[in-house]
Amino acid sequence: MEQSYLNTPLSIHYDYHLMSKLKELGIIESKADLGRLCGKNESYVRCMHSKGYGIHIGSLAVLQFKLLLKRQIEPNQNRLSNLNEAMKAVQQTIDDKCLAQQYADDHAIIKAQKNIRKLF
């Protein structure tokens, strides 16, 4: 069966939406900051996007974990509120990407089933 992948422009769209939210909250200032928070090097996000790929869900999970660790030691209430909002945004991005991937997988299965029926 043909392997399906999340529509990469859609994945990149989710990434840009997340980046703008994290910038608005003061969590990051650049793609380099986001790459480091994802547990990668500073060129990770830029390179992934230039190749037409989005940030991997595993990297977003690392980002979520790092935000959780920061939240646990943050004494400033405003900053704590921003970290909570950032965690919600990251979780929404993960959920959106997983849902989109499930849709792509389902579509690929239906397409494969139709091709098999044509053979018989």
PDB file of N, CA and C in Angstrom:
ATOM      1  N   MET A   1       0.842  -1.178   0.000  1.00  0.00           N
ATOM      2  CA  MET A   1       0.000   0.000   0.000  1.00  0.00           C
ATOM      3  C   MET A   1       0.888   1.243   0.000  1.00  0.00           C
ATOM      4  N   GLU A   2       0.444   2.231  -0.696  1.00  0.00           N
ATOM      5  CA  GLU A   2       1.172   3.498  -0.780  1.00  0.00           C
ATOM      6  C   GLU A   2       1.163   4.171   0.592  1.00  0.00           C
ATOM      7  N   GLN A   3       2.334   4.624   1.038  1.00  0.00           N
ATOM      8  CA  GLN A   3       2.415   5.287   2.328  1.00  0.00           C
ATOM      9  C   GLN A   3       1.965   6.731   2.171  1.00  0.00           C
ATOM     10  N   SER A   4       1.169   7.193   3.109  1.00  0.00           N
ATOM     11  CA  SER A   4       0.675   8.568   3.028  1.00  0.00           C
ATOM     12  C   SER A   4       1.419   9.442   4.025  1.00  0.00           C
ATOM     13  N   TYR A   5       1.518  10.689   3.704  1.00  0.00           N
ATOM     14  CA  TYR A   5       2.163  11.658   4.585  1.00  0.00           C
ATOM     15  C   TYR A   5       1.253  12.857   4.727  1.00  0.00           C
ATOM     16  N   LEU A   6       1.369  13.493   5.880  1.00  0.00           N
ATOM     17  CA  LEU A   6       0.619  14.710   6.109  1.00  0.00           C
ATOM     18  C   LEU A   6       0.950  15.712   5.008  1.00  0.00           C
ATOM     19  N   ASN A   7      -0.076  16.334   4.476  1.00  0.00           N
ATOM     20  CA  ASN A   7       0.095  17.368   3.463  1.00  0.00           C
ATOM     21  C   ASN A   7       1.076  18.405   4.021  1.00  0.00           C
ATOM     22  N   THR A   8       2.276  18.457   3.458  1.00  0.00           N
ATOM     23  CA  THR A   8       3.318  19.297   4.055  1.00  0.00           C
ATOM     24  C   THR A   8       2.988  20.787   4.063  1.00  0.00           C
ATOM     25  N   PRO A   9       2.331  21.359   3.041  1.00  0.00           N
ATOM     26  CA  PRO A   9       1.964  22.773   3.196  1.00  0.00           C
ATOM     27  C   PRO A   9       1.033  22.993   4.393  1.00  0.00           C
ATOM     28  N   LEU A  10       0.169  22.023   4.659  1.00  0.00           N
ATOM     29  CA  LEU A  10      -0.712  22.128   5.817  1.00  0.00           C
ATOM     30  C   LEU A  10       0.097  22.047   7.106  1.00  0.00           C
ATOM     31  N   SER A  11       1.049  21.140   7.173  1.00  0.00           N
ATOM     32  CA  SER A  11       1.907  20.999   8.350  1.00  0.00           C
ATOM     33  C   SER A  11       2.707  22.284   8.588  1.00  0.00           C
ATOM     34  N   ILE A  12       3.235  22.852   7.530  1.00  0.00           N
ATOM     35  CA  ILE A  12       3.992  24.101   7.649  1.00  0.00           C
ATOM     36  C   ILE A  12       3.067  25.239   8.087  1.00  0.00           C
ATOM     37  N   HIS A  13       1.836  25.226   7.601  1.00  0.00           N
ATOM     38  CA  HIS A  13       0.844  26.226   8.035  1.00  0.00           C
ATOM     39  C   HIS A  13       0.642  26.141   9.548  1.00  0.00           C
ATOM     40  N   TYR A  14       0.491  24.915  10.063  1.00  0.00           N
ATOM     41  CA  TYR A  14       0.347  24.740  11.514  1.00  0.00           C
ATOM     42  C   TYR A  14       1.580  25.270  12.246  1.00  0.00           C
ATOM     43  N   ASP A  15       2.764  25.015  11.687  1.00  0.00           N
ATOM     44  CA  ASP A  15       4.005  25.495  12.307  1.00  0.00           C
ATOM     45  C   ASP A  15       4.037  27.023  12.384  1.00  0.00           C
ATOM     46  N   TYR A  16       3.664  27.689  11.284  1.00  0.00           N
ATOM     47  CA  TYR A  16       3.692  29.150  11.277  1.00  0.00           C
ATOM     48  C   TYR A  16       2.682  29.729  12.259  1.00  0.00           C
ATOM     49  N   HIS A  17       1.536  29.085  12.357  1.00  0.00           N
ATOM     50  CA  HIS A  17       0.531  29.536  13.319  1.00  0.00           C
ATOM     51  C   HIS A  17       1.085  29.408  14.741  1.00  0.00           C
ATOM     52  N   LEU A  18       1.724  28.275  15.044  1.00  0.00           N
ATOM     53  CA  LEU A  18       2.320  28.060  16.366  1.00  0.00           C
ATOM     54  C   LEU A  18       3.435  29.073  16.624  1.00  0.00           C
ATOM     55  N   MET A  19       4.310  29.281  15.640  1.00  0.00           N
ATOM     56  CA  MET A  19       5.406  30.239  15.822  1.00  0.00           C
ATOM     57  C   MET A  19       4.882  31.635  16.129  1.00  0.00           C
ATOM     58  N   SER A  20       3.842  32.054  15.412  1.00  0.00           N
ATOM     59  CA  SER A  20       3.319  33.400  15.656  1.00  0.00           C
ATOM     60  C   SER A  20       2.730  33.508  17.059  1.00  0.00           C
ATOM     61  N   LYS A  21       2.076  32.447  17.523  1.00  0.00           N
ATOM     62  CA  LYS A  21       1.517  32.455  18.886  1.00  0.00           C
ATOM     63  C   LYS A  21       2.636  32.497  19.925  1.00  0.00           C
ATOM     64  N   LEU A  22       3.687  31.693  19.720  1.00  0.00           N
ATOM     65  CA  LEU A  22       4.800  31.675  20.670  1.00  0.00           C
ATOM     66  C   LEU A  22       5.551  33.009  20.680  1.00  0.00           C
ATOM     67  N   LYS A  23       5.649  33.654  19.529  1.00  0.00           N
ATOM     68  CA  LYS A  23       6.277  34.985  19.479  1.00  0.00           C
ATOM     69  C   LYS A  23       5.413  36.002  20.219  1.00  0.00           C
ATOM     70  N   GLU A  24       4.116  35.941  19.981  1.00  0.00           N
ATOM     71  CA  GLU A  24       3.176  36.849  20.638  1.00  0.00           C
ATOM     72  C   GLU A  24       3.256  36.720  22.166  1.00  0.00           C
ATOM     73  N   LEU A  25       3.464  35.505  22.642  1.00  0.00           N
ATOM     74  CA  LEU A  25       3.549  35.245  24.085  1.00  0.00           C
ATOM     75  C   LEU A  25       4.932  35.517  24.665  1.00  0.00           C
ATOM     76  N   GLY A  26       5.900  35.832  23.812  1.00  0.00           N
ATOM     77  CA  GLY A  26       7.255  36.115  24.279  1.00  0.00           C
ATOM     78  C   GLY A  26       8.061  34.873  24.627  1.00  0.00           C
ATOM     79  N   ILE A  27       7.643  33.717  24.115  1.00  0.00           N
ATOM     80  CA  ILE A  27       8.351  32.464  24.393  1.00  0.00           C
ATOM     81  C   ILE A  27       9.558  32.323  23.465  1.00  0.00           C
ATOM     82  N   ILE A  28       9.383  32.726  22.214  1.00  0.00           N
ATOM     83  CA  ILE A  28      10.479  32.686  21.236  1.00  0.00           C
ATOM     84  C   ILE A  28      10.564  34.022  20.530  1.00  0.00           C
ATOM     85  N   GLU A  29      11.710  34.239  19.877  1.00  0.00           N
ATOM     86  CA  GLU A  29      11.885  35.420  19.042  1.00  0.00           C
ATOM     87  C   GLU A  29      12.145  35.041  17.595  1.00  0.00           C
ATOM     88  N   SER A  30      12.551  33.784  17.353  1.00  0.00           N
ATOM     89  CA  SER A  30      12.938  33.383  16.002  1.00  0.00           C
ATOM     90  C   SER A  30      12.748  31.885  15.796  1.00  0.00           C
ATOM     91  N   LYS A  31      12.930  31.459  14.555  1.00  0.00           N
ATOM     92  CA  LYS A  31      12.899  30.033  14.239  1.00  0.00           C
ATOM     93  C   LYS A  31      14.030  29.304  14.958  1.00  0.00           C
ATOM     94  N   ALA A  32      15.146  29.982  15.144  1.00  0.00           N
ATOM     95  CA  ALA A  32      16.288  29.382  15.849  1.00  0.00           C
ATOM     96  C   ALA A  32      15.902  29.049  17.296  1.00  0.00           C
ATOM     97  N   ASP A  33      15.193  29.968  17.954  1.00  0.00           N
ATOM     98  CA  ASP A  33      14.730  29.715  19.323  1.00  0.00           C
ATOM     99  C   ASP A  33      13.799  28.505  19.355  1.00  0.00           C
ATOM    100  N   LEU A  34      12.896  28.432  18.378  1.00  0.00           N
ATOM    101  CA  LEU A  34      11.963  27.317  18.319  1.00  0.00           C
ATOM    102  C   LEU A  34      12.703  26.000  18.101  1.00  0.00           C
ATOM    103  N   GLY A  35      13.687  26.004  17.220  1.00  0.00           N
ATOM    104  CA  GLY A  35      14.480  24.800  16.981  1.00  0.00           C
ATOM    105  C   GLY A  35      15.154  24.307  18.248  1.00  0.00           C
ATOM    106  N   ARG A  36      15.750  25.222  18.998  1.00  0.00           N
ATOM    107  CA  ARG A  36      16.414  24.840  20.256  1.00  0.00           C
ATOM    108  C   ARG A  36      15.417  24.299  21.273  1.00  0.00           C
ATOM    109  N   LEU A  37      14.251  24.945  21.380  1.00  0.00           N
ATOM    110  CA  LEU A  37      13.241  24.465  22.321  1.00  0.00           C
ATOM    111  C   LEU A  37      12.665  23.106  21.913  1.00  0.00           C
ATOM    112  N   CYS A  38      12.741  22.786  20.635  1.00  0.00           N
ATOM    113  CA  CYS A  38      12.283  21.477  20.144  1.00  0.00           C
ATOM    114  C   CYS A  38      13.336  20.399  20.349  1.00  0.00           C
ATOM    115  N   GLY A  39      14.462  20.771  20.955  1.00  0.00           N
ATOM    116  CA  GLY A  39      15.516  19.804  21.214  1.00  0.00           C
ATOM    117  C   GLY A  39      16.425  19.576  20.024  1.00  0.00           C
ATOM    118  N   LYS A  40      16.375  20.480  19.064  1.00  0.00           N
ATOM    119  CA  LYS A  40      17.193  20.372  17.857  1.00  0.00           C
ATOM    120  C   LYS A  40      18.163  21.546  17.810  1.00  0.00           C
ATOM    121  N   ASN A  41      18.897  21.639  16.707  1.00  0.00           N
ATOM    122  CA  ASN A  41      19.797  22.789  16.581  1.00  0.00           C
ATOM    123  C   ASN A  41      19.012  23.998  16.059  1.00  0.00           C
ATOM    124  N   GLU A  42      19.669  25.138  16.043  1.00  0.00           N
ATOM    125  CA  GLU A  42      18.957  26.374  15.700  1.00  0.00           C
ATOM    126  C   GLU A  42      18.506  26.449  14.245  1.00  0.00           C
ATOM    127  N   SER A  43      19.066  25.624  13.377  1.00  0.00           N
ATOM    128  CA  SER A  43      18.655  25.662  11.965  1.00  0.00           C
ATOM    129  C   SER A  43      17.567  24.634  11.635  1.00  0.00           C
ATOM    130  N   TYR A  44      17.106  23.877  12.636  1.00  0.00           N
ATOM    131  CA  TYR A  44      16.143  22.782  12.408  1.00  0.00           C
ATOM    132  C   TYR A  44      14.877  23.254  11.687  1.00  0.00           C
ATOM    133  N   VAL A  45      14.202  24.248  12.232  1.00  0.00           N
ATOM    134  CA  VAL A  45      12.924  24.689  11.661  1.00  0.00           C
ATOM    135  C   VAL A  45      13.137  25.265  10.264  1.00  0.00           C
ATOM    136  N   ARG A  46      14.144  26.095  10.122  1.00  0.00           N
ATOM    137  CA  ARG A  46      14.424  26.703   8.809  1.00  0.00           C
ATOM    138  C   ARG A  46      14.718  25.634   7.768  1.00  0.00           C
ATOM    139  N   CYS A  47      15.528  24.645   8.127  1.00  0.00           N
ATOM    140  CA  CYS A  47      15.881  23.570   7.188  1.00  0.00           C
ATOM    141  C   CYS A  47      14.677  22.702   6.840  1.00  0.00           C
ATOM    142  N   MET A  48      13.881  22.349   7.835  1.00  0.00           N
ATOM    143  CA  MET A  48      12.692  21.531   7.577  1.00  0.00           C
ATOM    144  C   MET A  48      11.749  22.253   6.617  1.00  0.00           C
ATOM    145  N   HIS A  49      11.524  23.528   6.857  1.00  0.00           N
ATOM    146  CA  HIS A  49      10.615  24.285   6.001  1.00  0.00           C
ATOM    147  C   HIS A  49      11.185  24.474   4.604  1.00  0.00           C
ATOM    148  N   SER A  50      12.486  24.675   4.501  1.00  0.00           N
ATOM    149  CA  SER A  50      13.082  24.857   3.168  1.00  0.00           C
ATOM    150  C   SER A  50      13.012  23.572   2.351  1.00  0.00           C
ATOM    151  N   LYS A  51      12.962  22.426   3.028  1.00  0.00           N
ATOM    152  CA  LYS A  51      12.816  21.136   2.340  1.00  0.00           C
ATOM    153  C   LYS A  51      11.352  20.782   2.103  1.00  0.00           C
ATOM    154  N   GLY A  52      10.450  21.623   2.600  1.00  0.00           N
ATOM    155  CA  GLY A  52       9.024  21.378   2.398  1.00  0.00           C
ATOM    156  C   GLY A  52       8.378  20.528   3.468  1.00  0.00           C
ATOM    157  N   TYR A  53       9.037  20.378   4.616  1.00  0.00           N
ATOM    158  CA  TYR A  53       8.504  19.573   5.710  1.00  0.00           C
ATOM    159  C   TYR A  53       8.136  20.448   6.892  1.00  0.00           C
ATOM    160  N   GLY A  54       7.223  19.941   7.703  1.00  0.00           N
ATOM    161  CA  GLY A  54       6.870  20.623   8.938  1.00  0.00           C
ATOM    162  C   GLY A  54       7.680  20.067  10.096  1.00  0.00           C
ATOM    163  N   ILE A  55       7.535  20.686  11.244  1.00  0.00           N
ATOM    164  CA  ILE A  55       8.185  20.216  12.462  1.00  0.00           C
ATOM    165  C   ILE A  55       7.562  18.873  12.829  1.00  0.00           C
ATOM    166  N   HIS A  56       8.389  17.897  13.154  1.00  0.00           N
ATOM    167  CA  HIS A  56       7.891  16.570  13.522  1.00  0.00           C
ATOM    168  C   HIS A  56       7.141  16.617  14.845  1.00  0.00           C
ATOM    169  N   ILE A  57       6.159  15.747  14.972  1.00  0.00           N
ATOM    170  CA  ILE A  57       5.359  15.696  16.188  1.00  0.00           C
ATOM    171  C   ILE A  57       6.229  15.367  17.401  1.00  0.00           C
ATOM    172  N   GLY A  58       7.224  14.510  17.233  1.00  0.00           N
ATOM    173  CA  GLY A  58       8.130  14.192  18.338  1.00  0.00           C
ATOM    174  C   GLY A  58       8.871  15.420  18.828  1.00  0.00           C
ATOM    175  N   SER A  59       9.258  16.283  17.902  1.00  0.00           N
ATOM    176  CA  SER A  59       9.940  17.527  18.285  1.00  0.00           C
ATOM    177  C   SER A  59       8.980  18.459  19.021  1.00  0.00           C
ATOM    178  N   LEU A  60       7.718  18.449  18.625  1.00  0.00           N
ATOM    179  CA  LEU A  60       6.721  19.254  19.329  1.00  0.00           C
ATOM    180  C   LEU A  60       6.483  18.711  20.740  1.00  0.00           C
ATOM    181  N   ALA A  61       6.579  17.389  20.896  1.00  0.00           N
ATOM    182  CA  ALA A  61       6.439  16.795  22.228  1.00  0.00           C
ATOM    183  C   ALA A  61       7.598  17.225  23.130  1.00  0.00           C
ATOM    184  N   VAL A  62       8.803  17.307  22.578  1.00  0.00           N
ATOM    185  CA  VAL A  62       9.951  17.798  23.345  1.00  0.00           C
ATOM    186  C   VAL A  62       9.710  19.250  23.747  1.00  0.00           C
ATOM    187  N   LEU A  63       9.201  20.049  22.823  1.00  0.00           N
ATOM    188  CA  LEU A  63       8.869  21.451  23.116  1.00  0.00           C
ATOM    189  C   LEU A  63       7.860  21.517  24.263  1.00  0.00           C
ATOM    190  N   GLN A  64       6.828  20.691  24.195  1.00  0.00           N
ATOM    191  CA  GLN A  64       5.801  20.667  25.240  1.00  0.00           C
ATOM    192  C   GLN A  64       6.429  20.341  26.605  1.00  0.00           C
ATOM    193  N   PHE A  65       7.325  19.360  26.626  1.00  0.00           N
ATOM    194  CA  PHE A  65       7.988  18.955  27.866  1.00  0.00           C
ATOM    195  C   PHE A  65       8.863  20.091  28.415  1.00  0.00           C
ATOM    196  N   LYS A  66       9.606  20.747  27.542  1.00  0.00           N
ATOM    197  CA  LYS A  66      10.467  21.850  27.999  1.00  0.00           C
ATOM    198  C   LYS A  66       9.640  23.012  28.550  1.00  0.00           C
ATOM    199  N   LEU A  67       8.489  23.285  27.939  1.00  0.00           N
ATOM    200  CA  LEU A  67       7.611  24.332  28.461  1.00  0.00           C
ATOM    201  C   LEU A  67       7.055  23.929  29.827  1.00  0.00           C
ATOM    202  N   LEU A  68       6.742  22.660  29.993  1.00  0.00           N
ATOM    203  CA  LEU A  68       6.265  22.165  31.285  1.00  0.00           C
ATOM    204  C   LEU A  68       7.326  22.356  32.365  1.00  0.00           C
ATOM    205  N   LEU A  69       8.572  22.029  32.030  1.00  0.00           N
ATOM    206  CA  LEU A  69       9.661  22.217  32.999  1.00  0.00           C
ATOM    207  C   LEU A  69       9.824  23.691  33.360  1.00  0.00           C
ATOM    208  N   LYS A  70       9.747  24.574  32.368  1.00  0.00           N
ATOM    209  CA  LYS A  70       9.860  26.012  32.642  1.00  0.00           C
ATOM    210  C   LYS A  70       8.702  26.490  33.509  1.00  0.00           C
ATOM    211  N   ARG A  71       7.516  25.951  33.235  1.00  0.00           N
ATOM    212  CA  ARG A  71       6.332  26.362  33.987  1.00  0.00           C
ATOM    213  C   ARG A  71       6.459  26.002  35.465  1.00  0.00           C
ATOM    214  N   GLN A  72       7.074  24.877  35.748  1.00  0.00           N
ATOM    215  CA  GLN A  72       7.191  24.412  37.131  1.00  0.00           C
ATOM    216  C   GLN A  72       8.101  25.292  37.983  1.00  0.00           C
ATOM    217  N   ILE A  73       9.005  26.026  37.360  1.00  0.00           N
ATOM    218  CA  ILE A  73       9.940  26.856  38.139  1.00  0.00           C
ATOM    219  C   ILE A  73       9.700  28.357  37.951  1.00  0.00           C
ATOM    220  N   GLU A  74       8.667  28.721  37.191  1.00  0.00           N
ATOM    221  CA  GLU A  74       8.424  30.137  36.894  1.00  0.00           C
ATOM    222  C   GLU A  74       7.708  30.829  38.056  1.00  0.00           C
ATOM    223  N   PRO A  75       8.340  31.848  38.676  1.00  0.00           N
ATOM    224  CA  PRO A  75       7.695  32.553  39.786  1.00  0.00           C
ATOM    225  C   PRO A  75       6.761  33.685  39.327  1.00  0.00           C
ATOM    226  N   ASN A  76       6.992  34.225  38.139  1.00  0.00           N
ATOM    227  CA  ASN A  76       6.231  35.370  37.645  1.00  0.00           C
ATOM    228  C   ASN A  76       4.869  34.916  37.108  1.00  0.00           C
ATOM    229  N   GLN A  77       3.786  35.487  37.651  1.00  0.00           N
ATOM    230  CA  GLN A  77       2.429  35.089  37.262  1.00  0.00           C
ATOM    231  C   GLN A  77       2.120  35.365  35.785  1.00  0.00           C
ATOM    232  N   ASN A  78       2.564  36.511  35.270  1.00  0.00           N
ATOM    233  CA  ASN A  78       2.311  36.823  33.859  1.00  0.00           C
ATOM    234  C   ASN A  78       3.034  35.840  32.948  1.00  0.00           C
ATOM    235  N   ARG A  79       4.275  35.572  33.280  1.00  0.00           N
ATOM    236  CA  ARG A  79       5.072  34.620  32.491  1.00  0.00           C
ATOM    237  C   ARG A  79       4.466  33.211  32.604  1.00  0.00           C
ATOM    238  N   LEU A  80       3.987  32.860  33.785  1.00  0.00           N
ATOM    239  CA  LEU A  80       3.347  31.561  33.994  1.00  0.00           C
ATOM    240  C   LEU A  80       2.097  31.433  33.123  1.00  0.00           C
ATOM    241  N   SER A  81       1.331  32.499  33.066  1.00  0.00           N
ATOM    242  CA  SER A  81       0.138  32.511  32.214  1.00  0.00           C
ATOM    243  C   SER A  81       0.516  32.333  30.743  1.00  0.00           C
ATOM    244  N   ASN A  82       1.589  32.997  30.324  1.00  0.00           N
ATOM    245  CA  ASN A  82       2.055  32.859  28.933  1.00  0.00           C
ATOM    246  C   ASN A  82       2.533  31.445  28.643  1.00  0.00           C
ATOM    247  N   LEU A  83       3.203  30.823  29.598  1.00  0.00           N
ATOM    248  CA  LEU A  83       3.657  29.441  29.417  1.00  0.00           C
ATOM    249  C   LEU A  83       2.467  28.488  29.297  1.00  0.00           C
ATOM    250  N   ASN A  84       1.426  28.723  30.092  1.00  0.00           N
ATOM    251  CA  ASN A  84       0.218  27.903  29.990  1.00  0.00           C
ATOM    252  C   ASN A  84      -0.430  28.042  28.615  1.00  0.00           C
ATOM    253  N   GLU A  85      -0.516  29.272  28.132  1.00  0.00           N
ATOM    254  CA  GLU A  85      -1.080  29.503  26.797  1.00  0.00           C
ATOM    255  C   GLU A  85      -0.218  28.859  25.710  1.00  0.00           C
ATOM    256  N   ALA A  86       1.085  28.930  25.883  1.00  0.00           N
ATOM    257  CA  ALA A  86       1.997  28.319  24.915  1.00  0.00           C
ATOM    258  C   ALA A  86       1.812  26.807  24.879  1.00  0.00           C
ATOM    259  N   MET A  87       1.656  26.209  26.062  1.00  0.00           N
ATOM    260  CA  MET A  87       1.452  24.758  26.111  1.00  0.00           C
ATOM    261  C   MET A  87       0.151  24.358  25.425  1.00  0.00           C
ATOM    262  N   LYS A  88      -0.881  25.160  25.596  1.00  0.00           N
ATOM    263  CA  LYS A  88      -2.152  24.898  24.907  1.00  0.00           C
ATOM    264  C   LYS A  88      -1.974  24.983  23.397  1.00  0.00           C
ATOM    265  N   ALA A  89      -1.215  25.977  22.940  1.00  0.00           N
ATOM    266  CA  ALA A  89      -0.984  26.150  21.504  1.00  0.00           C
ATOM    267  C   ALA A  89      -0.194  24.981  20.927  1.00  0.00           C
ATOM    268  N   VAL A  90       0.809  24.512  21.656  1.00  0.00           N
ATOM    269  CA  VAL A  90       1.606  23.369  21.189  1.00  0.00           C
ATOM    270  C   VAL A  90       0.720  22.128  21.125  1.00  0.00           C
ATOM    271  N   GLN A  91      -0.090  21.909  22.156  1.00  0.00           N
ATOM    272  CA  GLN A  91      -0.973  20.737  22.165  1.00  0.00           C
ATOM    273  C   GLN A  91      -1.969  20.803  21.013  1.00  0.00           C
ATOM    274  N   GLN A  92      -2.480  21.987  20.734  1.00  0.00           N
ATOM    275  CA  GLN A  92      -3.420  22.135  19.608  1.00  0.00           C
ATOM    276  C   GLN A  92      -2.736  21.817  18.281  1.00  0.00           C
ATOM    277  N   THR A  93      -1.494  22.233  18.141  1.00  0.00           N
ATOM    278  CA  THR A  93      -0.733  21.934  16.924  1.00  0.00           C
ATOM    279  C   THR A  93      -0.513  20.433  16.782  1.00  0.00           C
ATOM    280  N   ILE A  94      -0.156  19.774  17.877  1.00  0.00           N
ATOM    281  CA  ILE A  94       0.025  18.317  17.846  1.00  0.00           C
ATOM    282  C   ILE A  94      -1.283  17.639  17.460  1.00  0.00           C
ATOM    283  N   ASP A  95      -2.380  18.065  18.094  1.00  0.00           N
ATOM    284  CA  ASP A  95      -3.692  17.477  17.789  1.00  0.00           C
ATOM    285  C   ASP A  95      -4.068  17.684  16.327  1.00  0.00           C
ATOM    286  N   ASP A  96      -3.858  18.902  15.827  1.00  0.00           N
ATOM    287  CA  ASP A  96      -4.193  19.199  14.428  1.00  0.00           C
ATOM    288  C   ASP A  96      -3.380  18.350  13.467  1.00  0.00           C
ATOM    289  N   LYS A  97      -2.086  18.222  13.740  1.00  0.00           N
ATOM    290  CA  LYS A  97      -1.224  17.428  12.854  1.00  0.00           C
ATOM    291  C   LYS A  97      -1.601  15.952  12.899  1.00  0.00           C
ATOM    292  N   CYS A  98      -1.927  15.440  14.084  1.00  0.00           N
ATOM    293  CA  CYS A  98      -2.331  14.034  14.201  1.00  0.00           C
ATOM    294  C   CYS A  98      -3.647  13.785  13.472  1.00  0.00           C
ATOM    295  N   LEU A  99      -4.595  14.689  13.628  1.00  0.00           N
ATOM    296  CA  LEU A  99      -5.882  14.555  12.945  1.00  0.00           C
ATOM    297  C   LEU A  99      -5.704  14.612  11.432  1.00  0.00           C
ATOM    298  N   ALA A 100      -4.886  15.526  10.966  1.00  0.00           N
ATOM    299  CA  ALA A 100      -4.626  15.637   9.530  1.00  0.00           C
ATOM    300  C   ALA A 100      -3.936  14.382   9.002  1.00  0.00           C
ATOM    301  N   GLN A 101      -3.010  13.825   9.787  1.00  0.00           N
ATOM    302  CA  GLN A 101      -2.327  12.597   9.366  1.00  0.00           C
ATOM    303  C   GLN A 101      -3.306  11.428   9.323  1.00  0.00           C
ATOM    304  N   GLN A 102      -4.202  11.355  10.302  1.00  0.00           N
ATOM    305  CA  GLN A 102      -5.204  10.288  10.309  1.00  0.00           C
ATOM    306  C   GLN A 102      -6.092  10.393   9.073  1.00  0.00           C
ATOM    307  N   TYR A 103      -6.489  11.611   8.723  1.00  0.00           N
ATOM    308  CA  TYR A 103      -7.298  11.817   7.521  1.00  0.00           C
ATOM    309  C   TYR A 103      -6.527  11.367   6.277  1.00  0.00           C
ATOM    310  N   ALA A 104      -5.238  11.726   6.199  1.00  0.00           N
ATOM    311  CA  ALA A 104      -4.414  11.329   5.049  1.00  0.00           C
ATOM    312  C   ALA A 104      -4.276   9.814   4.981  1.00  0.00           C
ATOM    313  N   ASP A 105      -4.087   9.166   6.129  1.00  0.00           N
ATOM    314  CA  ASP A 105      -3.979   7.703   6.162  1.00  0.00           C
ATOM    315  C   ASP A 105      -5.280   7.051   5.716  1.00  0.00           C
ATOM    316  N   ASP A 106      -6.411   7.552   6.229  1.00  0.00           N
ATOM    317  CA  ASP A 106      -7.712   7.002   5.843  1.00  0.00           C
ATOM    318  C   ASP A 106      -7.940   7.150   4.354  1.00  0.00           C
ATOM    319  N   HIS A 107      -7.578   8.303   3.811  1.00  0.00           N
ATOM    320  CA  HIS A 107      -7.740   8.551   2.372  1.00  0.00           C
ATOM    321  C   HIS A 107      -6.875   7.585   1.558  1.00  0.00           C
ATOM    322  N   ALA A 108      -5.653   7.330   2.028  1.00  0.00           N
ATOM    323  CA  ALA A 108      -4.756   6.407   1.324  1.00  0.00           C
ATOM    324  C   ALA A 108      -5.301   4.981   1.357  1.00  0.00           C
ATOM    325  N   ILE A 109      -5.910   4.580   2.467  1.00  0.00           N
ATOM    326  CA  ILE A 109      -6.489   3.239   2.572  1.00  0.00           C
ATOM    327  C   ILE A 109      -7.663   3.092   1.614  1.00  0.00           C
ATOM    328  N   ILE A 110      -8.523   4.091   1.570  1.00  0.00           N
ATOM    329  CA  ILE A 110      -9.674   4.047   0.656  1.00  0.00           C
ATOM    330  C   ILE A 110      -9.195   3.978  -0.788  1.00  0.00           C
ATOM    331  N   LYS A 111      -8.188   4.760  -1.117  1.00  0.00           N
ATOM    332  CA  LYS A 111      -7.639   4.754  -2.476  1.00  0.00           C
ATOM    333  C   LYS A 111      -7.058   3.376  -2.817  1.00  0.00           C
ATOM    334  N   ALA A 112      -6.349   2.777  -1.876  1.00  0.00           N
ATOM    335  CA  ALA A 112      -5.766   1.455  -2.111  1.00  0.00           C
ATOM    336  C   ALA A 112      -6.852   0.402  -2.284  1.00  0.00           C
ATOM    337  N   GLN A 113      -7.911   0.498  -1.497  1.00  0.00           N
ATOM    338  CA  GLN A 113      -9.012  -0.458  -1.619  1.00  0.00           C
ATOM    339  C   GLN A 113      -9.681  -0.344  -2.985  1.00  0.00           C
ATOM    340  N   LYS A 114      -9.849   0.851  -3.479  1.00  0.00           N
ATOM    341  CA  LYS A 114     -10.442   1.044  -4.817  1.00  0.00           C
ATOM    342  C   LYS A 114      -9.544   0.463  -5.895  1.00  0.00           C
ATOM    343  N   ASN A 115      -8.235   0.647  -5.741  1.00  0.00           N
ATOM    344  CA  ASN A 115      -7.294   0.087  -6.730  1.00  0.00           C
ATOM    345  C   ASN A 115      -7.311  -1.441  -6.715  1.00  0.00           C
ATOM    346  N   ILE A 116      -7.470  -2.022  -5.530  1.00  0.00           N
ATOM    347  CA  ILE A 116      -7.533  -3.480  -5.436  1.00  0.00           C
ATOM    348  C   ILE A 116      -8.795  -4.001  -6.109  1.00  0.00           C
ATOM    349  N   ARG A 117      -9.921  -3.310  -5.902  1.00  0.00           N
ATOM    350  CA  ARG A 117     -11.185  -3.723  -6.524  1.00  0.00           C
ATOM    351  C   ARG A 117     -11.088  -3.691  -8.047  1.00  0.00           C
ATOM    352  N   LYS A 118     -10.333  -2.742  -8.577  1.00  0.00           N
ATOM    353  CA  LYS A 118     -10.162  -2.639 -10.035  1.00  0.00           C
ATOM    354  C   LYS A 118      -9.434  -3.849 -10.588  1.00  0.00           C
ATOM    355  N   LEU A 119      -8.590  -4.475  -9.778  1.00  0.00           N
ATOM    356  CA  LEU A 119      -7.838  -5.634 -10.228  1.00  0.00           C
ATOM    357  C   LEU A 119      -8.718  -6.870 -10.390  1.00  0.00           C
ATOM    358  N   PHE A 120      -9.832  -6.902  -9.695  1.00  0.00           N
ATOM    359  CA  PHE A 120     -10.691  -8.093  -9.726  1.00  0.00           C
ATOM    360  C   PHE A 120     -11.924  -7.787 -10.442  1.00  0.00           C
TER     361      PHE A 120
END
